[in-house]
Amino acid sequence: VQLQASGGGLVQAGGSLKLSCAASGRTFSSYAMGWFRQAPGKEREFVATISWSGGVTWYADSVKGRFTISRDNAKNTVYLQMNGLKPEDTAVYYCAARPGATSKVRNDYPHWGQGTLVTVSS
């Protein structure tokens, strides 16, 4: 599966952005999807994950209550709605796919998109 992330940009603290990740391939609905992010000088970290059906979601503590992951299997797309953005959310955001169950572990994901930059100004 190939992934294409979009929707990043510059936003003021407290603002919102919605990221999208479009997937190619007919097996999208069988993949768990994840969002990760990497800030300058830091390792890539888990943000959120969603099961193939959308019925199971997990979030990093740092974004819980502010970010929402969702998916539309008919459109082969996963979303990340980000509200209440903070300067510390500034990072390149990556979507990822893995067959089977959700995971918070970066190395569990064999398929990655190219990343989209989110910059939050204070």
C-alpha atoms as a PDB file:
ATOM      1  CA  VAL A   1       0.000   0.000   0.000  1.00  0.00           C
ATOM      2  CA  GLN A   2       1.202   3.510  -0.821  1.00  0.00           C
ATOM      3  CA  LEU A   3       0.356   6.461   1.402  1.00  0.00           C
ATOM      4  CA  GLN A   4       0.131  10.199   0.694  1.00  0.00           C
ATOM      5  CA  ALA A   5      -0.255  12.594   3.612  1.00  0.00           C
ATOM      6  CA  SER A   6      -1.508  16.148   3.240  1.00  0.00           C
ATOM      7  CA  GLY A   7      -3.063  19.002   5.172  1.00  0.00           C
ATOM      8  CA  GLY A   8      -0.124  20.368   7.086  1.00  0.00           C
ATOM      9  CA  GLY A   9       0.587  24.055   7.420  1.00  0.00           C
ATOM     10  CA  LEU A  10       1.191  26.991   9.704  1.00  0.00           C
ATOM     11  CA  VAL A  11      -1.339  27.681  12.449  1.00  0.00           C
ATOM     12  CA  GLN A  12      -1.441  29.782  15.597  1.00  0.00           C
ATOM     13  CA  ALA A  13      -1.535  28.182  19.004  1.00  0.00           C
ATOM     14  CA  GLY A  14      -5.068  27.158  19.869  1.00  0.00           C
ATOM     15  CA  GLY A  15      -5.968  26.645  16.241  1.00  0.00           C
ATOM     16  CA  SER A  16      -6.972  23.530  14.318  1.00  0.00           C
ATOM     17  CA  LEU A  17      -5.797  21.511  11.355  1.00  0.00           C
ATOM     18  CA  LYS A  18      -7.060  18.343   9.720  1.00  0.00           C
ATOM     19  CA  LEU A  19      -4.538  15.992   8.168  1.00  0.00           C
ATOM     20  CA  SER A  20      -5.474  13.459   5.531  1.00  0.00           C
ATOM     21  CA  CYS A  21      -3.704  10.331   4.376  1.00  0.00           C
ATOM     22  CA  ALA A  22      -4.837   8.788   1.096  1.00  0.00           C
ATOM     23  CA  ALA A  23      -3.947   5.170   0.481  1.00  0.00           C
ATOM     24  CA  SER A  24      -3.703   3.241  -2.736  1.00  0.00           C
ATOM     25  CA  GLY A  25      -4.611  -0.408  -3.057  1.00  0.00           C
ATOM     26  CA  ARG A  26      -7.718  -2.475  -2.609  1.00  0.00           C
ATOM     27  CA  THR A  27      -6.755  -3.835   0.828  1.00  0.00           C
ATOM     28  CA  PHE A  28      -6.839  -0.525   2.716  1.00  0.00           C
ATOM     29  CA  SER A  29      -9.782  -1.655   4.808  1.00  0.00           C
ATOM     30  CA  SER A  30      -7.756  -4.561   6.197  1.00  0.00           C
ATOM     31  CA  TYR A  31      -4.987  -2.318   7.551  1.00  0.00           C
ATOM     32  CA  ALA A  32      -4.685  -0.621  10.887  1.00  0.00           C
ATOM     33  CA  MET A  33      -3.518   2.956  10.409  1.00  0.00           C
ATOM     34  CA  GLY A  34      -1.352   5.166  12.546  1.00  0.00           C
ATOM     35  CA  TRP A  35      -0.126   8.725  12.788  1.00  0.00           C
ATOM     36  CA  PHE A  36       3.353   9.481  14.069  1.00  0.00           C
ATOM     37  CA  ARG A  37       5.299  12.712  14.289  1.00  0.00           C
ATOM     38  CA  GLN A  38       8.895  13.802  14.372  1.00  0.00           C
ATOM     39  CA  ALA A  39      10.010  17.131  15.754  1.00  0.00           C
ATOM     40  CA  PRO A  40      13.416  18.579  14.864  1.00  0.00           C
ATOM     41  CA  GLY A  41      16.174  16.759  16.717  1.00  0.00           C
ATOM     42  CA  LYS A  42      13.799  14.201  18.192  1.00  0.00           C
ATOM     43  CA  GLU A  43      12.814  10.649  17.429  1.00  0.00           C
ATOM     44  CA  ARG A  44       9.615   9.791  15.608  1.00  0.00           C
ATOM     45  CA  GLU A  45       6.860   9.265  18.149  1.00  0.00           C
ATOM     46  CA  PHE A  46       3.421   7.720  18.217  1.00  0.00           C
ATOM     47  CA  VAL A  47       0.402  10.025  17.987  1.00  0.00           C
ATOM     48  CA  ALA A  48      -2.689   7.917  17.258  1.00  0.00           C
ATOM     49  CA  THR A  49      -3.825   4.651  15.735  1.00  0.00           C
ATOM     50  CA  ILE A  50      -7.115   3.245  14.455  1.00  0.00           C
ATOM     51  CA  SER A  51      -8.239  -0.285  13.694  1.00  0.00           C
ATOM     52  CA  TRP A  52      -9.330  -1.453  10.262  1.00  0.00           C
ATOM     53  CA  SER A  53     -13.001  -1.003  11.207  1.00  0.00           C
ATOM     54  CA  GLY A  54     -12.518   2.288  13.005  1.00  0.00           C
ATOM     55  CA  GLY A  55     -13.887   0.760  16.175  1.00  0.00           C
ATOM     56  CA  VAL A  56     -10.646   0.884  18.150  1.00  0.00           C
ATOM     57  CA  THR A  57      -8.509   3.974  18.613  1.00  0.00           C
ATOM     58  CA  TRP A  58      -5.521   4.785  20.804  1.00  0.00           C
ATOM     59  CA  TYR A  59      -3.832   8.104  21.470  1.00  0.00           C
ATOM     60  CA  ALA A  60      -0.612   9.349  22.954  1.00  0.00           C
ATOM     61  CA  ASP A  61      -1.212  11.023  26.309  1.00  0.00           C
ATOM     62  CA  SER A  62       0.133  14.287  24.915  1.00  0.00           C
ATOM     63  CA  VAL A  63      -2.681  14.579  22.351  1.00  0.00           C
ATOM     64  CA  LYS A  64      -5.556  12.818  24.100  1.00  0.00           C
ATOM     65  CA  GLY A  65      -8.649  14.985  24.163  1.00  0.00           C
ATOM     66  CA  ARG A  66      -7.310  17.316  21.465  1.00  0.00           C
ATOM     67  CA  PHE A  67      -6.712  15.046  18.459  1.00  0.00           C
ATOM     68  CA  THR A  68      -9.146  12.641  16.802  1.00  0.00           C
ATOM     69  CA  ILE A  69      -8.218   9.905  14.351  1.00  0.00           C
ATOM     70  CA  SER A  70     -10.845   8.596  11.935  1.00  0.00           C
ATOM     71  CA  ARG A  71     -11.055   6.763   8.649  1.00  0.00           C
ATOM     72  CA  ASP A  72     -13.283   6.408   5.614  1.00  0.00           C
ATOM     73  CA  ASN A  73     -12.665   3.015   4.029  1.00  0.00           C
ATOM     74  CA  ALA A  74     -14.813   3.902   1.021  1.00  0.00           C
ATOM     75  CA  LYS A  75     -12.379   6.731   0.269  1.00  0.00           C
ATOM     76  CA  ASN A  76      -9.238   4.854   1.337  1.00  0.00           C
ATOM     77  CA  THR A  77      -8.421   7.760   3.628  1.00  0.00           C
ATOM     78  CA  VAL A  78      -7.477   8.233   7.262  1.00  0.00           C
ATOM     79  CA  TYR A  79      -7.732  11.591   9.015  1.00  0.00           C
ATOM     80  CA  LEU A  80      -6.234  13.319  12.008  1.00  0.00           C
ATOM     81  CA  GLN A  81      -8.294  16.216  13.350  1.00  0.00           C
ATOM     82  CA  MET A  82      -6.068  18.365  15.532  1.00  0.00           C
ATOM     83  CA  ASN A  83      -7.652  20.936  17.821  1.00  0.00           C
ATOM     84  CA  GLY A  84      -6.150  23.104  20.514  1.00  0.00           C
ATOM     85  CA  LEU A  85      -2.760  23.011  18.844  1.00  0.00           C
ATOM     86  CA  LYS A  86       0.289  23.912  20.896  1.00  0.00           C
ATOM     87  CA  PRO A  87       3.786  24.957  19.801  1.00  0.00           C
ATOM     88  CA  GLU A  88       5.071  21.586  21.033  1.00  0.00           C
ATOM     89  CA  ASP A  89       2.880  19.902  18.388  1.00  0.00           C
ATOM     90  CA  THR A  90       5.176  21.321  15.717  1.00  0.00           C
ATOM     91  CA  ALA A  91       6.564  18.380  13.750  1.00  0.00           C
ATOM     92  CA  VAL A  92       6.460  16.462  10.517  1.00  0.00           C
ATOM     93  CA  TYR A  93       3.453  14.172  10.722  1.00  0.00           C
ATOM     94  CA  TYR A  94       3.571  10.750   9.087  1.00  0.00           C
ATOM     95  CA  CYS A  95       0.815   8.277   8.387  1.00  0.00           C
ATOM     96  CA  ALA A  96       1.568   4.581   8.446  1.00  0.00           C
ATOM     97  CA  ALA A  97      -0.195   1.306   7.736  1.00  0.00           C
ATOM     98  CA  ARG A  98       0.120  -2.194   9.054  1.00  0.00           C
ATOM     99  CA  PRO A  99      -1.868  -5.358   8.426  1.00  0.00           C
ATOM    100  CA  GLY A 100      -3.747  -6.634  11.436  1.00  0.00           C
ATOM    101  CA  ALA A 101      -4.265  -4.991  14.799  1.00  0.00           C
ATOM    102  CA  THR A 102      -3.473  -1.486  15.952  1.00  0.00           C
ATOM    103  CA  SER A 103      -0.060  -0.731  17.387  1.00  0.00           C
ATOM    104  CA  LYS A 104       1.671   2.171  19.084  1.00  0.00           C
ATOM    105  CA  VAL A 105       5.083   0.869  18.048  1.00  0.00           C
ATOM    106  CA  ARG A 106       6.784   2.590  15.129  1.00  0.00           C
ATOM    107  CA  ASN A 107       8.619  -0.501  13.953  1.00  0.00           C
ATOM    108  CA  ASP A 108       5.369  -2.470  13.652  1.00  0.00           C
ATOM    109  CA  TYR A 109       4.414  -0.400  10.604  1.00  0.00           C
ATOM    110  CA  PRO A 110       5.899  -1.510   7.252  1.00  0.00           C
ATOM    111  CA  HIS A 111       4.233   1.182   5.122  1.00  0.00           C
ATOM    112  CA  TRP A 112       4.858   4.923   5.504  1.00  0.00           C
ATOM    113  CA  GLY A 113       3.781   8.105   3.797  1.00  0.00           C
ATOM    114  CA  GLN A 114       6.133  10.973   3.026  1.00  0.00           C
ATOM    115  CA  GLY A 115       5.104  13.269   5.892  1.00  0.00           C
ATOM    116  CA  THR A 116       3.432  16.660   6.123  1.00  0.00           C
ATOM    117  CA  LEU A 117       4.789  19.568   8.162  1.00  0.00           C
ATOM    118  CA  VAL A 118       2.710  21.143  10.908  1.00  0.00           C
ATOM    119  CA  THR A 119       4.021  24.351  12.439  1.00  0.00           C
ATOM    120  CA  VAL A 120       2.298  25.913  15.433  1.00  0.00           C
ATOM    121  CA  SER A 121       3.282  29.463  16.289  1.00  0.00           C
ATOM    122  CA  SER A 122       2.970  30.888  19.781  1.00  0.00           C
END
